[in-house]
Amino acid sequence: MTSPAVSSRDLPHPAREEIRIEGVLHALSDPMRLRIVRELAAVDQELTCSHFDLPVTKSTTTHHFRVLRESGVIRQIYRGTAKMNGLRDDDLDDLFPGLLDALLDAAGRQAARLGEDEA
């Protein structure tokens, strides 16, 4: 029996048991990546990469999404020509209960305190 062919467009993601807290915290330590995650959490649905209006170059944006994906914070899949991004909140909540909610709450409080209007 042969295994199904893997599309060249499939992106590597860590399995749930491979996600490490150090990687998650590193991924969320960058303001742009935290901004992406806050937006995904606010809408609770998948968003295209082009949805995010980040004040960085396209290559830097690609890097931020890759760090988030490789750390297990987001899942990226292609739907047609669009790369869709979704928060892996179920995986993160199972592994680190309350961590994501606490970080998002803290980020929201900081944004309010600093007068930032992102997410």
PDB file of N, CA and C in Angstrom:
ATOM      1  N   MET A   1       0.841  -1.183   0.000  1.00  0.00           N
ATOM      2  CA  MET A   1       0.000   0.000   0.000  1.00  0.00           C
ATOM      3  C   MET A   1       0.888   1.249   0.000  1.00  0.00           C
ATOM      4  N   THR A   2       0.614   2.168  -0.882  1.00  0.00           N
ATOM      5  CA  THR A   2       1.417   3.388  -0.965  1.00  0.00           C
ATOM      6  C   THR A   2       0.741   4.501  -0.187  1.00  0.00           C
ATOM      7  N   SER A   3       1.558   5.391   0.336  1.00  0.00           N
ATOM      8  CA  SER A   3       0.991   6.523   1.067  1.00  0.00           C
ATOM      9  C   SER A   3       0.578   7.593   0.064  1.00  0.00           C
ATOM     10  N   PRO A   4      -0.403   8.412   0.445  1.00  0.00           N
ATOM     11  CA  PRO A   4      -0.838   9.465  -0.476  1.00  0.00           C
ATOM     12  C   PRO A   4       0.279  10.470  -0.717  1.00  0.00           C
ATOM     13  N   ALA A   5       0.303  11.018  -1.900  1.00  0.00           N
ATOM     14  CA  ALA A   5       1.320  12.007  -2.254  1.00  0.00           C
ATOM     15  C   ALA A   5       1.116  13.267  -1.420  1.00  0.00           C
ATOM     16  N   VAL A   6       2.212  13.832  -0.981  1.00  0.00           N
ATOM     17  CA  VAL A   6       2.154  15.074  -0.226  1.00  0.00           C
ATOM     18  C   VAL A   6       2.336  16.206  -1.226  1.00  0.00           C
ATOM     19  N   SER A   7       1.446  17.165  -1.175  1.00  0.00           N
ATOM     20  CA  SER A   7       1.529  18.308  -2.078  1.00  0.00           C
ATOM     21  C   SER A   7       2.749  19.146  -1.732  1.00  0.00           C
ATOM     22  N   SER A   8       3.389  19.711  -2.748  1.00  0.00           N
ATOM     23  CA  SER A   8       4.526  20.596  -2.498  1.00  0.00           C
ATOM     24  C   SER A   8       4.059  21.875  -1.808  1.00  0.00           C
ATOM     25  N   ARG A   9       2.763  22.092  -1.792  1.00  0.00           N
ATOM     26  CA  ARG A   9       2.214  23.268  -1.137  1.00  0.00           C
ATOM     27  C   ARG A   9       1.845  23.001   0.324  1.00  0.00           C
ATOM     28  N   ASP A  10       1.972  21.747   0.789  1.00  0.00           N
ATOM     29  CA  ASP A  10       1.737  21.461   2.198  1.00  0.00           C
ATOM     30  C   ASP A  10       2.863  22.074   3.013  1.00  0.00           C
ATOM     31  N   LEU A  11       2.510  22.733   4.082  1.00  0.00           N
ATOM     32  CA  LEU A  11       3.504  23.395   4.921  1.00  0.00           C
ATOM     33  C   LEU A  11       3.751  22.568   6.181  1.00  0.00           C
ATOM     34  N   PRO A  12       5.003  22.453   6.618  1.00  0.00           N
ATOM     35  CA  PRO A  12       5.288  21.667   7.823  1.00  0.00           C
ATOM     36  C   PRO A  12       4.804  22.366   9.094  1.00  0.00           C
ATOM     37  N   HIS A  13       4.177  21.598   9.955  1.00  0.00           N
ATOM     38  CA  HIS A  13       3.700  22.074  11.251  1.00  0.00           C
ATOM     39  C   HIS A  13       4.141  21.075  12.308  1.00  0.00           C
ATOM     40  N   PRO A  14       4.449  21.542  13.500  1.00  0.00           N
ATOM     41  CA  PRO A  14       4.755  20.583  14.555  1.00  0.00           C
ATOM     42  C   PRO A  14       3.471  19.875  14.996  1.00  0.00           C
ATOM     43  N   ALA A  15       3.602  18.595  15.319  1.00  0.00           N
ATOM     44  CA  ALA A  15       2.480  17.880  15.915  1.00  0.00           C
ATOM     45  C   ALA A  15       2.239  18.475  17.304  1.00  0.00           C
ATOM     46  N   ARG A  16       1.029  18.303  17.805  1.00  0.00           N
ATOM     47  CA  ARG A  16       0.682  18.874  19.108  1.00  0.00           C
ATOM     48  C   ARG A  16       1.743  18.530  20.164  1.00  0.00           C
ATOM     49  N   GLU A  17       2.152  17.258  20.217  1.00  0.00           N
ATOM     50  CA  GLU A  17       3.098  16.839  21.256  1.00  0.00           C
ATOM     51  C   GLU A  17       4.507  17.406  21.045  1.00  0.00           C
ATOM     52  N   GLU A  18       4.771  17.988  19.897  1.00  0.00           N
ATOM     53  CA  GLU A  18       6.080  18.591  19.617  1.00  0.00           C
ATOM     54  C   GLU A  18       6.144  20.078  19.970  1.00  0.00           C
ATOM     55  N   ILE A  19       5.009  20.690  20.262  1.00  0.00           N
ATOM     56  CA  ILE A  19       4.981  22.122  20.579  1.00  0.00           C
ATOM     57  C   ILE A  19       5.609  22.336  21.954  1.00  0.00           C
ATOM     58  N   ARG A  20       6.558  23.259  22.010  1.00  0.00           N
ATOM     59  CA  ARG A  20       7.275  23.539  23.259  1.00  0.00           C
ATOM     60  C   ARG A  20       6.980  24.968  23.714  1.00  0.00           C
ATOM     61  N   ILE A  21       6.870  25.131  25.012  1.00  0.00           N
ATOM     62  CA  ILE A  21       6.539  26.446  25.561  1.00  0.00           C
ATOM     63  C   ILE A  21       7.584  27.492  25.197  1.00  0.00           C
ATOM     64  N   GLU A  22       8.877  27.090  25.134  1.00  0.00           N
ATOM     65  CA  GLU A  22       9.917  28.058  24.778  1.00  0.00           C
ATOM     66  C   GLU A  22       9.690  28.610  23.379  1.00  0.00           C
ATOM     67  N   GLY A  23       9.278  27.746  22.455  1.00  0.00           N
ATOM     68  CA  GLY A  23       9.017  28.180  21.089  1.00  0.00           C
ATOM     69  C   GLY A  23       7.818  29.107  21.001  1.00  0.00           C
ATOM     70  N   VAL A  24       6.775  28.778  21.760  1.00  0.00           N
ATOM     71  CA  VAL A  24       5.568  29.614  21.776  1.00  0.00           C
ATOM     72  C   VAL A  24       5.891  30.995  22.344  1.00  0.00           C
ATOM     73  N   LEU A  25       6.600  31.017  23.468  1.00  0.00           N
ATOM     74  CA  LEU A  25       6.934  32.302  24.083  1.00  0.00           C
ATOM     75  C   LEU A  25       7.867  33.120  23.189  1.00  0.00           C
ATOM     76  N   HIS A  26       8.816  32.455  22.533  1.00  0.00           N
ATOM     77  CA  HIS A  26       9.694  33.168  21.593  1.00  0.00           C
ATOM     78  C   HIS A  26       8.866  33.770  20.452  1.00  0.00           C
ATOM     79  N   ALA A  27       7.970  32.973  19.879  1.00  0.00           N
ATOM     80  CA  ALA A  27       7.159  33.456  18.761  1.00  0.00           C
ATOM     81  C   ALA A  27       6.325  34.664  19.166  1.00  0.00           C
ATOM     82  N   LEU A  28       5.785  34.637  20.375  1.00  0.00           N
ATOM     83  CA  LEU A  28       4.912  35.721  20.823  1.00  0.00           C
ATOM     84  C   LEU A  28       5.672  36.899  21.431  1.00  0.00           C
ATOM     85  N   SER A  29       6.999  36.807  21.500  1.00  0.00           N
ATOM     86  CA  SER A  29       7.784  37.901  22.076  1.00  0.00           C
ATOM     87  C   SER A  29       7.992  39.054  21.093  1.00  0.00           C
ATOM     88  N   ASP A  30       7.703  38.810  19.819  1.00  0.00           N
ATOM     89  CA  ASP A  30       7.877  39.857  18.806  1.00  0.00           C
ATOM     90  C   ASP A  30       6.572  40.633  18.632  1.00  0.00           C
ATOM     91  N   PRO A  31       6.609  41.963  18.637  1.00  0.00           N
ATOM     92  CA  PRO A  31       5.374  42.756  18.522  1.00  0.00           C
ATOM     93  C   PRO A  31       4.565  42.472  17.253  1.00  0.00           C
ATOM     94  N   MET A  32       5.219  42.242  16.119  1.00  0.00           N
ATOM     95  CA  MET A  32       4.477  41.962  14.882  1.00  0.00           C
ATOM     96  C   MET A  32       3.774  40.605  14.966  1.00  0.00           C
ATOM     97  N   ARG A  33       4.463  39.608  15.495  1.00  0.00           N
ATOM     98  CA  ARG A  33       3.852  38.285  15.613  1.00  0.00           C
ATOM     99  C   ARG A  33       2.723  38.305  16.631  1.00  0.00           C
ATOM    100  N   LEU A  34       2.912  39.017  17.719  1.00  0.00           N
ATOM    101  CA  LEU A  34       1.838  39.142  18.711  1.00  0.00           C
ATOM    102  C   LEU A  34       0.634  39.850  18.095  1.00  0.00           C
ATOM    103  N   ARG A  35       0.891  40.818  17.272  1.00  0.00           N
ATOM    104  CA  ARG A  35      -0.195  41.544  16.575  1.00  0.00           C
ATOM    105  C   ARG A  35      -0.987  40.586  15.680  1.00  0.00           C
ATOM    106  N   ILE A  36      -0.289  39.736  14.936  1.00  0.00           N
ATOM    107  CA  ILE A  36      -0.955  38.748  14.081  1.00  0.00           C
ATOM    108  C   ILE A  36      -1.840  37.835  14.921  1.00  0.00           C
ATOM    109  N   VAL A  37      -1.299  37.336  16.016  1.00  0.00           N
ATOM    110  CA  VAL A  37      -2.042  36.411  16.873  1.00  0.00           C
ATOM    111  C   VAL A  37      -3.239  37.105  17.515  1.00  0.00           C
ATOM    112  N   ARG A  38      -3.076  38.349  17.927  1.00  0.00           N
ATOM    113  CA  ARG A  38      -4.207  39.099  18.502  1.00  0.00           C
ATOM    114  C   ARG A  38      -5.328  39.263  17.474  1.00  0.00           C
ATOM    115  N   GLU A  39      -4.963  39.543  16.227  1.00  0.00           N
ATOM    116  CA  GLU A  39      -5.988  39.685  15.183  1.00  0.00           C
ATOM    117  C   GLU A  39      -6.697  38.366  14.927  1.00  0.00           C
ATOM    118  N   LEU A  40      -5.936  37.280  14.865  1.00  0.00           N
ATOM    119  CA  LEU A  40      -6.556  35.968  14.656  1.00  0.00           C
ATOM    120  C   LEU A  40      -7.480  35.604  15.810  1.00  0.00           C
ATOM    121  N   ALA A  41      -7.064  35.895  17.038  1.00  0.00           N
ATOM    122  CA  ALA A  41      -7.889  35.587  18.205  1.00  0.00           C
ATOM    123  C   ALA A  41      -9.155  36.439  18.233  1.00  0.00           C
ATOM    124  N   ALA A  42      -9.053  37.677  17.778  1.00  0.00           N
ATOM    125  CA  ALA A  42     -10.199  38.597  17.809  1.00  0.00           C
ATOM    126  C   ALA A  42     -11.306  38.169  16.857  1.00  0.00           C
ATOM    127  N   VAL A  43     -10.936  37.590  15.716  1.00  0.00           N
ATOM    128  CA  VAL A  43     -11.951  37.218  14.729  1.00  0.00           C
ATOM    129  C   VAL A  43     -12.353  35.753  14.822  1.00  0.00           C
ATOM    130  N   ASP A  44     -11.519  34.935  15.461  1.00  0.00           N
ATOM    131  CA  ASP A  44     -11.806  33.511  15.656  1.00  0.00           C
ATOM    132  C   ASP A  44     -12.149  32.807  14.343  1.00  0.00           C
ATOM    133  N   GLN A  45     -11.378  33.120  13.311  1.00  0.00           N
ATOM    134  CA  GLN A  45     -11.529  32.457  12.013  1.00  0.00           C
ATOM    135  C   GLN A  45     -10.207  32.557  11.267  1.00  0.00           C
ATOM    136  N   GLU A  46     -10.088  31.805  10.195  1.00  0.00           N
ATOM    137  CA  GLU A  46      -8.877  31.867   9.386  1.00  0.00           C
ATOM    138  C   GLU A  46      -8.845  33.166   8.581  1.00  0.00           C
ATOM    139  N   LEU A  47      -7.642  33.709   8.430  1.00  0.00           N
ATOM    140  CA  LEU A  47      -7.449  34.921   7.641  1.00  0.00           C
ATOM    141  C   LEU A  47      -6.296  34.710   6.669  1.00  0.00           C
ATOM    142  N   THR A  48      -6.367  35.356   5.528  1.00  0.00           N
ATOM    143  CA  THR A  48      -5.283  35.276   4.548  1.00  0.00           C
ATOM    144  C   THR A  48      -4.096  36.104   5.029  1.00  0.00           C
ATOM    145  N   CYS A  49      -2.932  35.780   4.516  1.00  0.00           N
ATOM    146  CA  CYS A  49      -1.738  36.563   4.849  1.00  0.00           C
ATOM    147  C   CYS A  49      -1.928  38.021   4.438  1.00  0.00           C
ATOM    148  N   SER A  50      -2.568  38.236   3.289  1.00  0.00           N
ATOM    149  CA  SER A  50      -2.738  39.601   2.784  1.00  0.00           C
ATOM    150  C   SER A  50      -3.707  40.433   3.628  1.00  0.00           C
ATOM    151  N   HIS A  51      -4.475  39.787   4.494  1.00  0.00           N
ATOM    152  CA  HIS A  51      -5.385  40.514   5.388  1.00  0.00           C
ATOM    153  C   HIS A  51      -4.607  41.417   6.347  1.00  0.00           C
ATOM    154  N   PHE A  52      -3.426  40.975   6.743  1.00  0.00           N
ATOM    155  CA  PHE A  52      -2.653  41.672   7.761  1.00  0.00           C
ATOM    156  C   PHE A  52      -1.859  42.814   7.143  1.00  0.00           C
ATOM    157  N   ASP A  53      -2.086  44.008   7.659  1.00  0.00           N
ATOM    158  CA  ASP A  53      -1.402  45.199   7.161  1.00  0.00           C
ATOM    159  C   ASP A  53      -0.273  45.532   8.136  1.00  0.00           C
ATOM    160  N   LEU A  54       0.853  44.856   7.950  1.00  0.00           N
ATOM    161  CA  LEU A  54       1.979  45.051   8.850  1.00  0.00           C
ATOM    162  C   LEU A  54       2.962  46.049   8.254  1.00  0.00           C
ATOM    163  N   PRO A  55       3.557  46.888   9.099  1.00  0.00           N
ATOM    164  CA  PRO A  55       4.494  47.910   8.602  1.00  0.00           C
ATOM    165  C   PRO A  55       5.904  47.359   8.386  1.00  0.00           C
ATOM    166  N   VAL A  56       5.975  46.224   7.700  1.00  0.00           N
ATOM    167  CA  VAL A  56       7.261  45.591   7.404  1.00  0.00           C
ATOM    168  C   VAL A  56       7.219  45.085   5.964  1.00  0.00           C
ATOM    169  N   THR A  57       8.377  44.681   5.439  1.00  0.00           N
ATOM    170  CA  THR A  57       8.435  44.182   4.065  1.00  0.00           C
ATOM    171  C   THR A  57       7.716  42.841   3.950  1.00  0.00           C
ATOM    172  N   LYS A  58       7.424  42.463   2.717  1.00  0.00           N
ATOM    173  CA  LYS A  58       6.753  41.183   2.475  1.00  0.00           C
ATOM    174  C   LYS A  58       7.602  40.012   2.971  1.00  0.00           C
ATOM    175  N   SER A  59       8.912  40.089   2.758  1.00  0.00           N
ATOM    176  CA  SER A  59       9.777  38.992   3.210  1.00  0.00           C
ATOM    177  C   SER A  59       9.809  38.897   4.738  1.00  0.00           C
ATOM    178  N   THR A  60       9.759  40.021   5.411  1.00  0.00           N
ATOM    179  CA  THR A  60       9.720  40.012   6.875  1.00  0.00           C
ATOM    180  C   THR A  60       8.386  39.468   7.363  1.00  0.00           C
ATOM    181  N   THR A  61       7.305  39.839   6.692  1.00  0.00           N
ATOM    182  CA  THR A  61       5.991  39.295   7.039  1.00  0.00           C
ATOM    183  C   THR A  61       5.995  37.780   6.886  1.00  0.00           C
ATOM    184  N   THR A  62       6.555  37.291   5.789  1.00  0.00           N
ATOM    185  CA  THR A  62       6.655  35.848   5.559  1.00  0.00           C
ATOM    186  C   THR A  62       7.440  35.182   6.680  1.00  0.00           C
ATOM    187  N   HIS A  63       8.515  35.806   7.097  1.00  0.00           N
ATOM    188  CA  HIS A  63       9.321  35.276   8.207  1.00  0.00           C
ATOM    189  C   HIS A  63       8.488  35.168   9.489  1.00  0.00           C
ATOM    190  N   HIS A  64       7.716  36.215   9.802  1.00  0.00           N
ATOM    191  CA  HIS A  64       6.898  36.200  11.019  1.00  0.00           C
ATOM    192  C   HIS A  64       5.875  35.059  10.982  1.00  0.00           C
ATOM    193  N   PHE A  65       5.225  34.868   9.845  1.00  0.00           N
ATOM    194  CA  PHE A  65       4.263  33.767   9.736  1.00  0.00           C
ATOM    195  C   PHE A  65       4.960  32.415   9.880  1.00  0.00           C
ATOM    196  N   ARG A  66       6.160  32.287   9.318  1.00  0.00           N
ATOM    197  CA  ARG A  66       6.885  31.023   9.426  1.00  0.00           C
ATOM    198  C   ARG A  66       7.248  30.722  10.877  1.00  0.00           C
ATOM    199  N   VAL A  67       7.705  31.722  11.623  1.00  0.00           N
ATOM    200  CA  VAL A  67       8.041  31.527  13.041  1.00  0.00           C
ATOM    201  C   VAL A  67       6.797  31.095  13.813  1.00  0.00           C
ATOM    202  N   LEU A  68       5.682  31.738  13.561  1.00  0.00           N
ATOM    203  CA  LEU A  68       4.435  31.370  14.249  1.00  0.00           C
ATOM    204  C   LEU A  68       4.018  29.942  13.908  1.00  0.00           C
ATOM    205  N   ARG A  69       4.142  29.571  12.633  1.00  0.00           N
ATOM    206  CA  ARG A  69       3.759  28.221  12.203  1.00  0.00           C
ATOM    207  C   ARG A  69       4.691  27.179  12.795  1.00  0.00           C
ATOM    208  N   GLU A  70       5.985  27.405  12.694  1.00  0.00           N
ATOM    209  CA  GLU A  70       6.956  26.416  13.154  1.00  0.00           C
ATOM    210  C   GLU A  70       6.964  26.256  14.670  1.00  0.00           C
ATOM    211  N   SER A  71       6.482  27.259  15.395  1.00  0.00           N
ATOM    212  CA  SER A  71       6.401  27.156  16.854  1.00  0.00           C
ATOM    213  C   SER A  71       5.103  26.481  17.297  1.00  0.00           C
ATOM    214  N   GLY A  72       4.158  26.323  16.362  1.00  0.00           N
ATOM    215  CA  GLY A  72       2.885  25.696  16.694  1.00  0.00           C
ATOM    216  C   GLY A  72       1.799  26.660  17.117  1.00  0.00           C
ATOM    217  N   VAL A  73       2.030  27.953  16.961  1.00  0.00           N
ATOM    218  CA  VAL A  73       1.033  28.949  17.366  1.00  0.00           C
ATOM    219  C   VAL A  73      -0.089  29.056  16.330  1.00  0.00           C
ATOM    220  N   ILE A  74       0.266  28.975  15.038  1.00  0.00           N
ATOM    221  CA  ILE A  74      -0.747  29.042  13.982  1.00  0.00           C
ATOM    222  C   ILE A  74      -0.628  27.833  13.066  1.00  0.00           C
ATOM    223  N   ARG A  75      -1.692  27.588  12.319  1.00  0.00           N
ATOM    224  CA  ARG A  75      -1.697  26.583  11.261  1.00  0.00           C
ATOM    225  C   ARG A  75      -1.929  27.337   9.961  1.00  0.00           C
ATOM    226  N   GLN A  76      -1.123  27.018   8.949  1.00  0.00           N
ATOM    227  CA  GLN A  76      -1.275  27.629   7.628  1.00  0.00           C
ATOM    228  C   GLN A  76      -1.616  26.547   6.617  1.00  0.00           C
ATOM    229  N   ILE A  77      -2.647  26.805   5.844  1.00  0.00           N
ATOM    230  CA  ILE A  77      -3.025  25.881   4.777  1.00  0.00           C
ATOM    231  C   ILE A  77      -3.397  26.691   3.537  1.00  0.00           C
ATOM    232  N   TYR A  78      -3.187  26.082   2.399  1.00  0.00           N
ATOM    233  CA  TYR A  78      -3.587  26.726   1.144  1.00  0.00           C
ATOM    234  C   TYR A  78      -5.028  26.370   0.842  1.00  0.00           C
ATOM    235  N   ARG A  79      -5.793  27.387   0.464  1.00  0.00           N
ATOM    236  CA  ARG A  79      -7.134  27.207  -0.076  1.00  0.00           C
ATOM    237  C   ARG A  79      -7.102  27.907  -1.426  1.00  0.00           C
ATOM    238  N   GLY A  80      -6.995  27.124  -2.485  1.00  0.00           N
ATOM    239  CA  GLY A  80      -6.784  27.724  -3.802  1.00  0.00           C
ATOM    240  C   GLY A  80      -5.417  28.377  -3.811  1.00  0.00           C
ATOM    241  N   THR A  81      -5.387  29.651  -4.154  1.00  0.00           N
ATOM    242  CA  THR A  81      -4.110  30.362  -4.180  1.00  0.00           C
ATOM    243  C   THR A  81      -3.848  31.132  -2.883  1.00  0.00           C
ATOM    244  N   ALA A  82      -4.814  31.148  -1.986  1.00  0.00           N
ATOM    245  CA  ALA A  82      -4.665  31.897  -0.736  1.00  0.00           C
ATOM    246  C   ALA A  82      -4.070  31.024   0.364  1.00  0.00           C
ATOM    247  N   LYS A  83      -3.123  31.577   1.085  1.00  0.00           N
ATOM    248  CA  LYS A  83      -2.577  30.903   2.260  1.00  0.00           C
ATOM    249  C   LYS A  83      -3.385  31.395   3.459  1.00  0.00           C
ATOM    250  N   MET A  84      -4.091  30.461   4.089  1.00  0.00           N
ATOM    251  CA  MET A  84      -4.959  30.796   5.216  1.00  0.00           C
ATOM    252  C   MET A  84      -4.234  30.528   6.531  1.00  0.00           C
ATOM    253  N   ASN A  85      -4.488  31.390   7.497  1.00  0.00           N
ATOM    254  CA  ASN A  85      -3.840  31.306   8.803  1.00  0.00           C
ATOM    255  C   ASN A  85      -4.893  31.170   9.879  1.00  0.00           C
ATOM    256  N   GLY A  86      -4.723  30.182  10.739  1.00  0.00           N
ATOM    257  CA  GLY A  86      -5.633  29.977  11.854  1.00  0.00           C
ATOM    258  C   GLY A  86      -4.853  29.750  13.134  1.00  0.00           C
ATOM    259  N   LEU A  87      -5.373  30.258  14.218  1.00  0.00           N
ATOM    260  CA  LEU A  87      -4.749  30.108  15.524  1.00  0.00           C
ATOM    261  C   LEU A  87      -4.947  28.681  16.026  1.00  0.00           C
ATOM    262  N   ARG A  88      -3.919  28.063  16.525  1.00  0.00           N
ATOM    263  CA  ARG A  88      -4.002  26.700  17.070  1.00  0.00           C
ATOM    264  C   ARG A  88      -4.350  26.771  18.554  1.00  0.00           C
ATOM    265  N   ASP A  89      -5.407  27.514  18.867  1.00  0.00           N
ATOM    266  CA  ASP A  89      -5.756  27.742  20.261  1.00  0.00           C
ATOM    267  C   ASP A  89      -6.150  26.463  21.002  1.00  0.00           C
ATOM    268  N   ASP A  90      -6.807  25.521  20.335  1.00  0.00           N
ATOM    269  CA  ASP A  90      -7.164  24.259  21.004  1.00  0.00           C
ATOM    270  C   ASP A  90      -5.904  23.504  21.424  1.00  0.00           C
ATOM    271  N   ASP A  91      -4.930  23.406  20.534  1.00  0.00           N
ATOM    272  CA  ASP A  91      -3.679  22.729  20.863  1.00  0.00           C
ATOM    273  C   ASP A  91      -2.958  23.444  22.002  1.00  0.00           C
ATOM    274  N   LEU A  92      -2.871  24.761  21.907  1.00  0.00           N
ATOM    275  CA  LEU A  92      -2.159  25.526  22.932  1.00  0.00           C
ATOM    276  C   LEU A  92      -2.868  25.449  24.279  1.00  0.00           C
ATOM    277  N   ASP A  93      -4.194  25.503  24.268  1.00  0.00           N
ATOM    278  CA  ASP A  93      -4.943  25.415  25.529  1.00  0.00           C
ATOM    279  C   ASP A  93      -4.822  24.037  26.168  1.00  0.00           C
ATOM    280  N   ASP A  94      -4.766  22.991  25.345  1.00  0.00           N
ATOM    281  CA  ASP A  94      -4.583  21.650  25.899  1.00  0.00           C
ATOM    282  C   ASP A  94      -3.202  21.481  26.516  1.00  0.00           C
ATOM    283  N   LEU A  95      -2.187  22.021  25.853  1.00  0.00           N
ATOM    284  CA  LEU A  95      -0.817  21.866  26.334  1.00  0.00           C
ATOM    285  C   LEU A  95      -0.478  22.805  27.489  1.00  0.00           C
ATOM    286  N   PHE A  96      -0.942  24.051  27.381  1.00  0.00           N
ATOM    287  CA  PHE A  96      -0.585  25.098  28.345  1.00  0.00           C
ATOM    288  C   PHE A  96      -1.863  25.843  28.753  1.00  0.00           C
ATOM    289  N   PRO A  97      -2.708  25.217  29.591  1.00  0.00           N
ATOM    290  CA  PRO A  97      -4.012  25.800  29.925  1.00  0.00           C
ATOM    291  C   PRO A  97      -3.898  27.238  30.447  1.00  0.00           C
ATOM    292  N   GLY A  98      -4.647  28.131  29.802  1.00  0.00           N
ATOM    293  CA  GLY A  98      -4.718  29.522  30.233  1.00  0.00           C
ATOM    294  C   GLY A  98      -3.610  30.416  29.723  1.00  0.00           C
ATOM    295  N   LEU A  99      -2.540  29.842  29.161  1.00  0.00           N
ATOM    296  CA  LEU A  99      -1.401  30.656  28.736  1.00  0.00           C
ATOM    297  C   LEU A  99      -1.776  31.648  27.641  1.00  0.00           C
ATOM    298  N   LEU A 100      -2.394  31.159  26.583  1.00  0.00           N
ATOM    299  CA  LEU A 100      -2.728  32.038  25.461  1.00  0.00           C
ATOM    300  C   LEU A 100      -3.695  33.132  25.893  1.00  0.00           C
ATOM    301  N   ASP A 101      -4.723  32.767  26.655  1.00  0.00           N
ATOM    302  CA  ASP A 101      -5.678  33.776  27.126  1.00  0.00           C
ATOM    303  C   ASP A 101      -4.986  34.831  27.981  1.00  0.00           C
ATOM    304  N   ALA A 102      -4.087  34.395  28.861  1.00  0.00           N
ATOM    305  CA  ALA A 102      -3.376  35.345  29.726  1.00  0.00           C
ATOM    306  C   ALA A 102      -2.490  36.277  28.904  1.00  0.00           C
ATOM    307  N   LEU A 103      -1.783  35.723  27.919  1.00  0.00           N
ATOM    308  CA  LEU A 103      -0.914  36.552  27.081  1.00  0.00           C
ATOM    309  C   LEU A 103      -1.718  37.540  26.238  1.00  0.00           C
ATOM    310  N   LEU A 104      -2.837  37.073  25.682  1.00  0.00           N
ATOM    311  CA  LEU A 104      -3.673  37.962  24.875  1.00  0.00           C
ATOM    312  C   LEU A 104      -4.299  39.055  25.729  1.00  0.00           C
ATOM    313  N   ASP A 105      -4.711  38.700  26.948  1.00  0.00           N
ATOM    314  CA  ASP A 105      -5.271  39.693  27.865  1.00  0.00           C
ATOM    315  C   ASP A 105      -4.214  40.735  28.230  1.00  0.00           C
ATOM    316  N   ALA A 106      -3.014  40.263  28.544  1.00  0.00           N
ATOM    317  CA  ALA A 106      -1.931  41.184  28.888  1.00  0.00           C
ATOM    318  C   ALA A 106      -1.580  42.090  27.703  1.00  0.00           C
ATOM    319  N   ALA A 107      -1.547  41.528  26.505  1.00  0.00           N
ATOM    320  CA  ALA A 107      -1.247  42.325  25.309  1.00  0.00           C
ATOM    321  C   ALA A 107      -2.338  43.363  25.065  1.00  0.00           C
ATOM    322  N   GLY A 108      -3.590  42.993  25.289  1.00  0.00           N
ATOM    323  CA  GLY A 108      -4.691  43.939  25.134  1.00  0.00           C
ATOM    324  C   GLY A 108      -4.615  45.075  26.136  1.00  0.00           C
ATOM    325  N   ARG A 109      -4.270  44.734  27.386  1.00  0.00           N
ATOM    326  CA  ARG A 109      -4.123  45.765  28.416  1.00  0.00           C
ATOM    327  C   ARG A 109      -2.969  46.710  28.075  1.00  0.00           C
ATOM    328  N   GLN A 110      -1.881  46.151  27.591  1.00  0.00           N
ATOM    329  CA  GLN A 110      -0.742  46.980  27.212  1.00  0.00           C
ATOM    330  C   GLN A 110      -1.107  47.908  26.052  1.00  0.00           C
ATOM    331  N   ALA A 111      -1.800  47.372  25.054  1.00  0.00           N
ATOM    332  CA  ALA A 111      -2.200  48.191  23.897  1.00  0.00           C
ATOM    333  C   ALA A 111      -3.110  49.330  24.341  1.00  0.00           C
ATOM    334  N   ALA A 112      -4.039  49.041  25.254  1.00  0.00           N
ATOM    335  CA  ALA A 112      -4.939  50.077  25.758  1.00  0.00           C
ATOM    336  C   ALA A 112      -4.154  51.145  26.542  1.00  0.00           C
ATOM    337  N   ARG A 113      -3.222  50.682  27.344  1.00  0.00           N
ATOM    338  CA  ARG A 113      -2.407  51.603  28.158  1.00  0.00           C
ATOM    339  C   ARG A 113      -1.556  52.500  27.277  1.00  0.00           C
ATOM    340  N   LEU A 114      -1.067  51.955  26.159  1.00  0.00           N
ATOM    341  CA  LEU A 114      -0.200  52.721  25.265  1.00  0.00           C
ATOM    342  C   LEU A 114      -0.956  53.462  24.178  1.00  0.00           C
ATOM    343  N   GLY A 115      -2.278  53.276  24.140  1.00  0.00           N
ATOM    344  CA  GLY A 115      -3.092  53.940  23.133  1.00  0.00           C
ATOM    345  C   GLY A 115      -2.975  53.357  21.760  1.00  0.00           C
ATOM    346  N   GLU A 116      -2.617  52.060  21.672  1.00  0.00           N
ATOM    347  CA  GLU A 116      -2.510  51.386  20.384  1.00  0.00           C
ATOM    348  C   GLU A 116      -3.860  50.787  20.021  1.00  0.00           C
ATOM    349  N   ASP A 117      -4.189  50.806  18.743  1.00  0.00           N
ATOM    350  CA  ASP A 117      -5.492  50.327  18.302  1.00  0.00           C
ATOM    351  C   ASP A 117      -5.423  49.056  17.488  1.00  0.00           C
ATOM    352  N   GLU A 118      -4.392  48.253  17.615  1.00  0.00           N
ATOM    353  CA  GLU A 118      -4.296  47.038  16.815  1.00  0.00           C
ATOM    354  C   GLU A 118      -5.065  45.923  17.494  1.00  0.00           C
ATOM    355  N   ALA A 119      -5.799  45.163  16.696  1.00  0.00           N
ATOM    356  CA  ALA A 119      -6.595  44.011  17.126  1.00  0.00           C
ATOM    357  C   ALA A 119      -7.460  44.343  18.279  1.00  0.00           C
TER     358      ALA A 119
END
